[in-house]
Protein backbone atom coordinates (compact mmCIF):
# COMPACT_ATOMS: atom_id res chain seq x y z
CA VAL A 1 0.00 0.00 0.00
CA PHE A 2 1.35 3.40 -0.95
CA ARG A 3 0.35 6.23 1.41
CA HIS A 4 1.65 9.73 1.37
CA LEU A 5 0.86 13.05 3.01
CA LYS A 6 2.35 16.01 1.24
CA GLU A 7 1.05 19.44 2.03
CA PRO A 8 -1.06 20.85 0.48
CA ILE A 9 -2.18 17.70 -1.36
CA VAL A 10 -3.17 14.49 0.42
CA TRP A 11 -3.07 11.40 -1.75
CA ASP A 12 -3.55 7.70 -1.15
CA VAL A 13 -3.46 4.37 -2.94
CA PRO A 14 -6.00 2.13 -1.19
CA GLU A 15 -5.35 -1.46 -0.11
CA GLY A 16 -5.55 -3.63 -3.24
CA GLY A 17 -5.14 -0.53 -5.41
CA VAL A 18 -2.22 -1.90 -7.47
CA ARG A 19 -2.97 -4.43 -10.23
CA TYR A 20 -0.91 -5.92 -13.04
CA ALA A 21 -2.35 -6.59 -16.51
CA ASN A 22 -1.16 -7.99 -19.82
CA TYR A 23 -3.89 -6.16 -21.71
CA PHE A 24 -5.51 -2.72 -21.31
CA ASN A 25 -7.23 -1.47 -24.47
CA GLY A 26 -4.40 -3.22 -26.30
CA PRO A 27 -1.26 -5.14 -25.38
CA PRO A 28 1.85 -3.55 -23.84
CA ASP A 29 5.12 -3.39 -25.75
CA GLU A 30 6.87 -6.74 -26.01
CA GLY A 31 8.50 -7.73 -22.70
CA ASN A 32 6.38 -5.29 -20.69
CA LYS A 33 3.23 -5.39 -18.57
CA PHE A 34 0.76 -2.78 -17.40
CA VAL A 35 0.37 -1.59 -13.84
CA LEU A 36 -2.94 0.03 -12.85
CA VAL A 37 -2.77 2.14 -9.69
CA ASP A 38 -5.89 3.52 -8.00
CA VAL A 39 -5.19 6.98 -6.61
CA ASP A 40 -7.31 9.36 -4.52
CA MET A 41 -6.20 13.00 -4.17
CA THR A 42 -7.60 15.87 -2.12
CA ALA A 43 -6.37 19.46 -2.11
CA ARG A 44 -6.16 21.07 1.32
CA LEU A 45 -5.50 24.44 -0.34
CA ARG A 46 -5.89 25.86 -3.84
CA ILE A 47 -2.98 24.39 -5.82
CA GLY A 48 -1.03 26.93 -7.86
CA PHE A 49 0.52 24.46 -10.28
CA PRO A 50 -1.10 22.15 -12.84
CA VAL A 51 -1.35 18.43 -12.18
CA LEU A 52 0.19 16.74 -15.22
CA PRO A 53 1.02 13.11 -16.05
CA ARG A 54 4.69 13.93 -15.33
CA CYS A 55 3.81 14.83 -11.72
CA PHE A 56 3.47 11.08 -11.09
CA ARG A 57 6.26 8.50 -11.23
CA LEU A 58 6.12 4.81 -10.42
CA MET A 59 9.35 3.35 -9.08
CA ASP A 60 9.88 -0.29 -10.01
CA SER A 61 11.80 -3.01 -8.15
CA ARG A 62 15.04 -1.90 -9.86
CA LYS A 63 14.51 1.72 -8.74
CA ILE A 64 13.71 2.86 -12.31
CA ARG A 65 11.00 5.53 -12.54
CA HIS A 66 8.16 5.35 -15.05
CA TYR A 67 5.66 8.06 -16.01
CA PRO A 68 1.96 7.18 -16.39
CA LEU A 69 0.58 6.80 -19.88
CA SER A 70 -1.53 9.72 -21.08
CA ARG A 71 -4.32 7.22 -21.83
CA SER A 72 -4.65 6.51 -18.11
CA PRO A 73 -8.33 6.57 -17.07
CA PHE A 74 -7.39 9.28 -14.53
CA PHE A 75 -6.23 11.66 -17.28
CA ILE A 76 -9.04 10.73 -19.65
CA THR A 77 -11.45 11.86 -16.90
CA TYR A 78 -9.66 15.04 -15.78
CA GLY A 79 -7.50 15.95 -18.78
CA ASP A 80 -3.72 16.03 -19.16
CA SER A 81 -3.47 19.28 -17.17
CA PHE A 82 -5.76 20.47 -14.40
CA TYR A 83 -5.71 22.61 -11.27
CA MET A 84 -7.06 21.66 -7.86
CA ASP A 85 -9.13 24.02 -5.71
CA LYS A 86 -9.40 23.72 -1.94
CA ASP A 87 -11.25 20.57 -0.81
CA GLU A 88 -11.53 19.22 -4.37
CA THR A 89 -11.13 15.46 -4.65
CA PHE A 90 -9.87 13.55 -7.69
CA ALA A 91 -9.89 9.76 -8.00
CA GLY A 92 -9.06 7.32 -10.75
CA LYS A 93 -6.64 4.81 -12.21
CA LEU A 94 -3.12 5.63 -13.39
CA LEU A 95 -1.77 3.32 -16.10
CA PHE A 96 1.95 2.57 -16.23
CA GLU A 97 3.96 0.24 -18.46
CA ILE A 98 6.97 -1.48 -16.89
CA PRO A 99 9.21 -4.45 -17.77
CA ALA A 100 7.41 -7.75 -17.16
CA ASP A 101 10.03 -9.02 -14.70
CA ARG A 102 9.65 -6.06 -12.30
CA LYS A 103 7.18 -5.06 -9.60
CA ALA A 104 5.78 -1.68 -8.64
CA GLU A 105 7.41 -0.48 -5.41
CA ASN A 106 6.54 3.17 -4.85
CA LEU A 107 4.36 5.90 -6.31
CA LEU A 108 5.83 9.39 -6.27
CA PHE A 109 4.01 12.69 -6.76
CA ASP A 110 5.56 16.12 -7.00
CA ARG A 111 5.21 19.34 -8.92
CA TYR A 112 6.61 18.91 -12.44
CA LYS A 113 8.96 21.65 -13.57
CA GLU A 114 10.25 21.71 -17.15
């Protein structure tokens, strides 16, 4: 279970919220698998930066970081860039693609700066 409290955003991956799949609206690249991660986010304050796919990173069992796919259900619902107002809640599934021989170990979230 991934849990994290980071002011001003509280986010959580519930128990059982990480699943592996060999198919999600199509197969992954050869030698890879999909990881679906349920995430719930609540803003304690108005957030002054956009939430983008690159704000999230999944660390695998070899400590390699992977960005979610833009076709993640989470981003299909909310768009590839959105702002959070105080007390707003966002929930959905992030879709990652990682090598088949690895496991998801940690979900990271931070402001993305180009």
